[in-house]
């Protein structure tokens, strides 16, 4: 018998990402105005493009490593066919 996939959303999803982005931009704006509440956090807002590239690069490296690990360990697709979905 295969694994059972339960597709229920998490009970506490945490802080939404747009709220974090707005908070970082606001910290950067306040820092530009001379109000330095969170200096290191405000510095992140100056490098959003670099942060995005680093996130994408990390994702690709982890994904590629997982595929390489699976291929080198002799991974089989037959195990993945036994997933049972609840309705």
N, C-alpha and C. Protein backbone atom coordinates (compact mmCIF):
# COMPACT_ATOMS: atom_id res chain seq x y z
N UNK A 1 0.85 -1.16 0.00
CA UNK A 1 0.00 0.00 0.00
C UNK A 1 0.89 1.23 0.00
N UNK A 2 0.51 2.23 -0.77
CA UNK A 2 1.31 3.45 -0.91
C UNK A 2 1.04 4.45 0.20
N UNK A 3 1.76 5.52 0.11
CA UNK A 3 1.60 6.60 1.08
C UNK A 3 0.31 7.37 0.82
N UNK A 4 -0.28 7.89 1.86
CA UNK A 4 -1.50 8.68 1.75
C UNK A 4 -1.12 10.16 1.78
N UNK A 5 -1.60 10.90 0.79
CA UNK A 5 -1.30 12.33 0.71
C UNK A 5 -2.48 13.09 1.28
N UNK A 6 -2.23 13.89 2.31
CA UNK A 6 -3.27 14.70 2.93
C UNK A 6 -3.02 16.15 2.53
N UNK A 7 -3.91 16.73 1.75
CA UNK A 7 -3.69 18.06 1.18
C UNK A 7 -4.41 19.15 1.96
N UNK A 8 -4.33 19.13 3.28
CA UNK A 8 -4.96 20.15 4.09
C UNK A 8 -3.97 21.29 4.31
N UNK A 9 -4.45 22.55 4.27
CA UNK A 9 -3.54 23.67 4.50
C UNK A 9 -3.07 23.70 5.95
N UNK A 10 -1.90 24.28 6.20
CA UNK A 10 -1.42 24.36 7.57
C UNK A 10 -2.33 25.25 8.40
N UNK A 11 -2.40 24.95 9.70
CA UNK A 11 -3.30 25.71 10.57
C UNK A 11 -2.80 27.12 10.80
N UNK A 12 -1.49 27.31 10.92
CA UNK A 12 -0.92 28.63 11.14
C UNK A 12 0.11 28.91 10.05
N UNK A 13 -0.29 29.60 8.97
CA UNK A 13 0.64 29.79 7.86
C UNK A 13 1.75 30.80 8.16
N UNK A 14 1.66 31.54 9.26
CA UNK A 14 2.70 32.50 9.59
C UNK A 14 2.44 33.85 8.96
N UNK A 15 3.49 34.66 8.87
CA UNK A 15 3.37 36.01 8.33
C UNK A 15 3.39 35.93 6.80
N UNK A 16 2.42 36.56 6.14
CA UNK A 16 2.43 36.55 4.67
C UNK A 16 3.67 37.25 4.12
N UNK A 17 4.18 36.78 2.99
CA UNK A 17 5.39 37.34 2.40
C UNK A 17 5.25 38.81 2.04
N UNK A 18 4.12 39.26 1.49
CA UNK A 18 4.03 40.69 1.18
C UNK A 18 4.21 41.58 2.41
N UNK A 19 3.78 41.11 3.57
CA UNK A 19 3.96 41.89 4.79
C UNK A 19 5.45 42.03 5.11
N UNK A 20 6.22 40.98 4.91
CA UNK A 20 7.66 41.04 5.15
C UNK A 20 8.35 41.99 4.18
N UNK A 21 7.95 41.94 2.91
CA UNK A 21 8.54 42.82 1.91
C UNK A 21 8.25 44.28 2.25
N UNK A 22 6.99 44.57 2.60
CA UNK A 22 6.61 45.94 2.96
C UNK A 22 7.39 46.39 4.20
N UNK A 23 7.56 45.52 5.17
CA UNK A 23 8.29 45.87 6.38
C UNK A 23 9.75 46.21 6.05
N UNK A 24 10.38 45.42 5.15
CA UNK A 24 11.76 45.70 4.78
C UNK A 24 11.89 47.02 4.03
N UNK A 25 10.97 47.28 3.11
CA UNK A 25 11.00 48.53 2.35
C UNK A 25 10.77 49.71 3.29
N UNK A 26 9.85 49.56 4.23
CA UNK A 26 9.57 50.62 5.19
C UNK A 26 10.79 50.90 6.08
N UNK A 27 11.48 49.85 6.48
CA UNK A 27 12.71 50.04 7.27
C UNK A 27 13.76 50.79 6.44
N UNK A 28 13.86 50.45 5.15
CA UNK A 28 14.80 51.16 4.28
C UNK A 28 14.43 52.62 4.11
N UNK A 29 13.14 52.91 3.97
CA UNK A 29 12.67 54.28 3.83
C UNK A 29 12.94 55.08 5.11
N UNK A 30 12.64 54.48 6.26
CA UNK A 30 12.91 55.16 7.53
C UNK A 30 14.39 55.41 7.73
N UNK A 31 15.22 54.47 7.28
CA UNK A 31 16.67 54.63 7.40
C UNK A 31 17.14 55.78 6.51
N UNK A 32 16.56 55.91 5.31
CA UNK A 32 16.91 57.02 4.42
C UNK A 32 16.51 58.36 5.02
N UNK A 33 15.45 58.38 5.81
CA UNK A 33 15.00 59.61 6.44
C UNK A 33 15.76 59.93 7.73
N UNK A 34 16.66 59.06 8.13
CA UNK A 34 17.46 59.31 9.31
C UNK A 34 16.95 58.61 10.56
N UNK A 35 15.86 57.86 10.47
CA UNK A 35 15.32 57.13 11.61
C UNK A 35 15.82 55.69 11.49
N UNK A 36 16.86 55.35 12.23
CA UNK A 36 17.47 54.03 12.09
C UNK A 36 17.00 53.12 13.22
N UNK A 37 15.86 52.49 13.00
CA UNK A 37 15.36 51.54 13.99
C UNK A 37 16.04 50.18 13.85
N UNK A 38 16.08 49.73 12.63
CA UNK A 38 16.68 48.42 12.36
C UNK A 38 17.66 48.56 11.20
N UNK A 39 18.82 49.09 11.47
CA UNK A 39 19.81 49.37 10.44
C UNK A 39 20.16 48.17 9.57
N UNK A 40 20.52 47.03 10.16
CA UNK A 40 20.86 45.87 9.33
C UNK A 40 19.69 45.37 8.49
N UNK A 41 18.49 45.43 9.04
CA UNK A 41 17.31 45.00 8.28
C UNK A 41 17.05 45.97 7.14
N UNK A 42 17.24 47.27 7.39
CA UNK A 42 17.04 48.27 6.35
C UNK A 42 18.05 48.09 5.22
N UNK A 43 19.24 47.62 5.53
CA UNK A 43 20.26 47.41 4.50
C UNK A 43 19.85 46.33 3.52
N UNK A 44 19.03 45.39 3.94
CA UNK A 44 18.56 44.33 3.05
C UNK A 44 17.72 44.91 1.92
N UNK A 45 16.95 45.96 2.22
CA UNK A 45 16.07 46.52 1.19
C UNK A 45 16.86 47.17 0.06
N UNK A 46 18.12 47.50 0.28
CA UNK A 46 18.95 48.06 -0.78
C UNK A 46 19.43 47.00 -1.76
N UNK A 47 19.31 45.73 -1.40
CA UNK A 47 19.86 44.65 -2.21
C UNK A 47 18.82 43.57 -2.54
N UNK A 48 17.58 43.99 -2.84
CA UNK A 48 16.55 43.00 -3.14
C UNK A 48 16.87 42.18 -4.38
N UNK A 49 17.45 42.81 -5.40
CA UNK A 49 17.78 42.08 -6.63
C UNK A 49 18.79 40.98 -6.34
N UNK A 50 19.83 41.32 -5.60
CA UNK A 50 20.85 40.33 -5.24
C UNK A 50 20.24 39.22 -4.38
N UNK A 51 19.37 39.61 -3.45
CA UNK A 51 18.71 38.63 -2.60
C UNK A 51 17.86 37.65 -3.43
N UNK A 52 17.20 38.18 -4.46
CA UNK A 52 16.42 37.32 -5.35
C UNK A 52 17.28 36.35 -6.12
N UNK A 53 18.42 36.84 -6.65
CA UNK A 53 19.34 35.96 -7.38
C UNK A 53 19.92 34.89 -6.46
N UNK A 54 20.25 35.26 -5.23
CA UNK A 54 20.79 34.28 -4.29
C UNK A 54 19.74 33.22 -3.94
N UNK A 55 18.49 33.65 -3.77
CA UNK A 55 17.42 32.70 -3.47
C UNK A 55 17.22 31.73 -4.63
N UNK A 56 17.20 32.27 -5.85
CA UNK A 56 17.04 31.42 -7.04
C UNK A 56 18.21 30.46 -7.19
N UNK A 57 19.42 30.96 -6.98
CA UNK A 57 20.60 30.10 -7.08
C UNK A 57 20.60 28.99 -6.05
N UNK A 58 20.20 29.31 -4.82
CA UNK A 58 20.13 28.30 -3.77
C UNK A 58 19.08 27.25 -4.11
N UNK A 59 17.92 27.70 -4.61
CA UNK A 59 16.87 26.76 -5.00
C UNK A 59 17.36 25.82 -6.09
N UNK A 60 18.01 26.38 -7.11
CA UNK A 60 18.50 25.55 -8.22
C UNK A 60 19.57 24.57 -7.74
N UNK A 61 20.45 25.02 -6.84
CA UNK A 61 21.50 24.13 -6.34
C UNK A 61 20.92 22.98 -5.53
N UNK A 62 19.96 23.27 -4.68
CA UNK A 62 19.34 22.22 -3.86
C UNK A 62 18.57 21.26 -4.75
N UNK A 63 17.82 21.79 -5.71
CA UNK A 63 17.04 20.94 -6.61
C UNK A 63 17.97 20.05 -7.44
N UNK A 64 19.03 20.65 -7.99
CA UNK A 64 19.99 19.88 -8.78
C UNK A 64 20.70 18.82 -7.95
N UNK A 65 21.04 19.17 -6.71
CA UNK A 65 21.66 18.20 -5.81
C UNK A 65 20.74 17.03 -5.49
N UNK A 66 19.45 17.33 -5.31
CA UNK A 66 18.49 16.26 -5.04
C UNK A 66 18.34 15.33 -6.23
N UNK A 67 18.30 15.90 -7.43
CA UNK A 67 18.20 15.07 -8.63
C UNK A 67 19.45 14.23 -8.79
N UNK A 68 20.61 14.82 -8.57
CA UNK A 68 21.88 14.08 -8.68
C UNK A 68 21.93 12.96 -7.65
N UNK A 69 21.54 13.24 -6.42
CA UNK A 69 21.51 12.22 -5.36
C UNK A 69 20.58 11.08 -5.76
N UNK A 70 19.40 11.43 -6.28
CA UNK A 70 18.42 10.42 -6.66
C UNK A 70 18.96 9.55 -7.79
N UNK A 71 19.60 10.17 -8.80
CA UNK A 71 20.14 9.40 -9.93
C UNK A 71 21.29 8.50 -9.49
N UNK A 72 22.17 9.02 -8.65
CA UNK A 72 23.33 8.23 -8.23
C UNK A 72 22.96 7.12 -7.26
N UNK A 73 21.84 7.29 -6.54
CA UNK A 73 21.44 6.25 -5.60
C UNK A 73 20.56 5.20 -6.28
N UNK A 74 20.38 5.31 -7.58
CA UNK A 74 19.58 4.32 -8.30
C UNK A 74 18.10 4.47 -8.05
N UNK A 75 17.63 5.70 -7.98
CA UNK A 75 16.22 5.99 -7.71
C UNK A 75 15.31 5.37 -8.76
N UNK A 76 14.17 4.95 -8.31
CA UNK A 76 13.21 4.31 -9.19
C UNK A 76 11.91 5.12 -9.19
N UNK A 77 11.27 5.17 -10.34
CA UNK A 77 9.99 5.89 -10.43
C UNK A 77 8.83 5.00 -10.02
N UNK A 78 9.07 3.71 -9.82
CA UNK A 78 7.99 2.80 -9.45
C UNK A 78 7.45 3.11 -8.05
N UNK A 79 8.30 3.58 -7.14
CA UNK A 79 7.85 3.93 -5.80
C UNK A 79 6.89 5.11 -5.82
N UNK A 80 7.10 6.04 -6.74
CA UNK A 80 6.27 7.24 -6.78
C UNK A 80 4.89 6.97 -7.39
N UNK A 81 4.69 5.83 -8.02
CA UNK A 81 3.40 5.52 -8.63
C UNK A 81 2.40 5.00 -7.60
N UNK A 82 2.84 4.71 -6.39
CA UNK A 82 1.95 4.11 -5.40
C UNK A 82 1.38 5.12 -4.41
N UNK A 83 1.30 6.38 -4.81
CA UNK A 83 0.74 7.41 -3.95
C UNK A 83 -0.77 7.38 -4.04
N UNK A 84 -1.45 7.35 -2.90
CA UNK A 84 -2.90 7.29 -2.87
C UNK A 84 -3.42 8.68 -2.49
N UNK A 85 -4.35 9.21 -3.28
CA UNK A 85 -4.93 10.52 -2.99
C UNK A 85 -6.29 10.35 -2.35
N UNK A 86 -6.54 11.12 -1.27
CA UNK A 86 -7.87 11.11 -0.63
C UNK A 86 -8.78 12.06 -1.38
N UNK A 87 -10.04 11.72 -1.41
CA UNK A 87 -11.02 12.62 -2.04
C UNK A 87 -11.97 13.15 -1.03
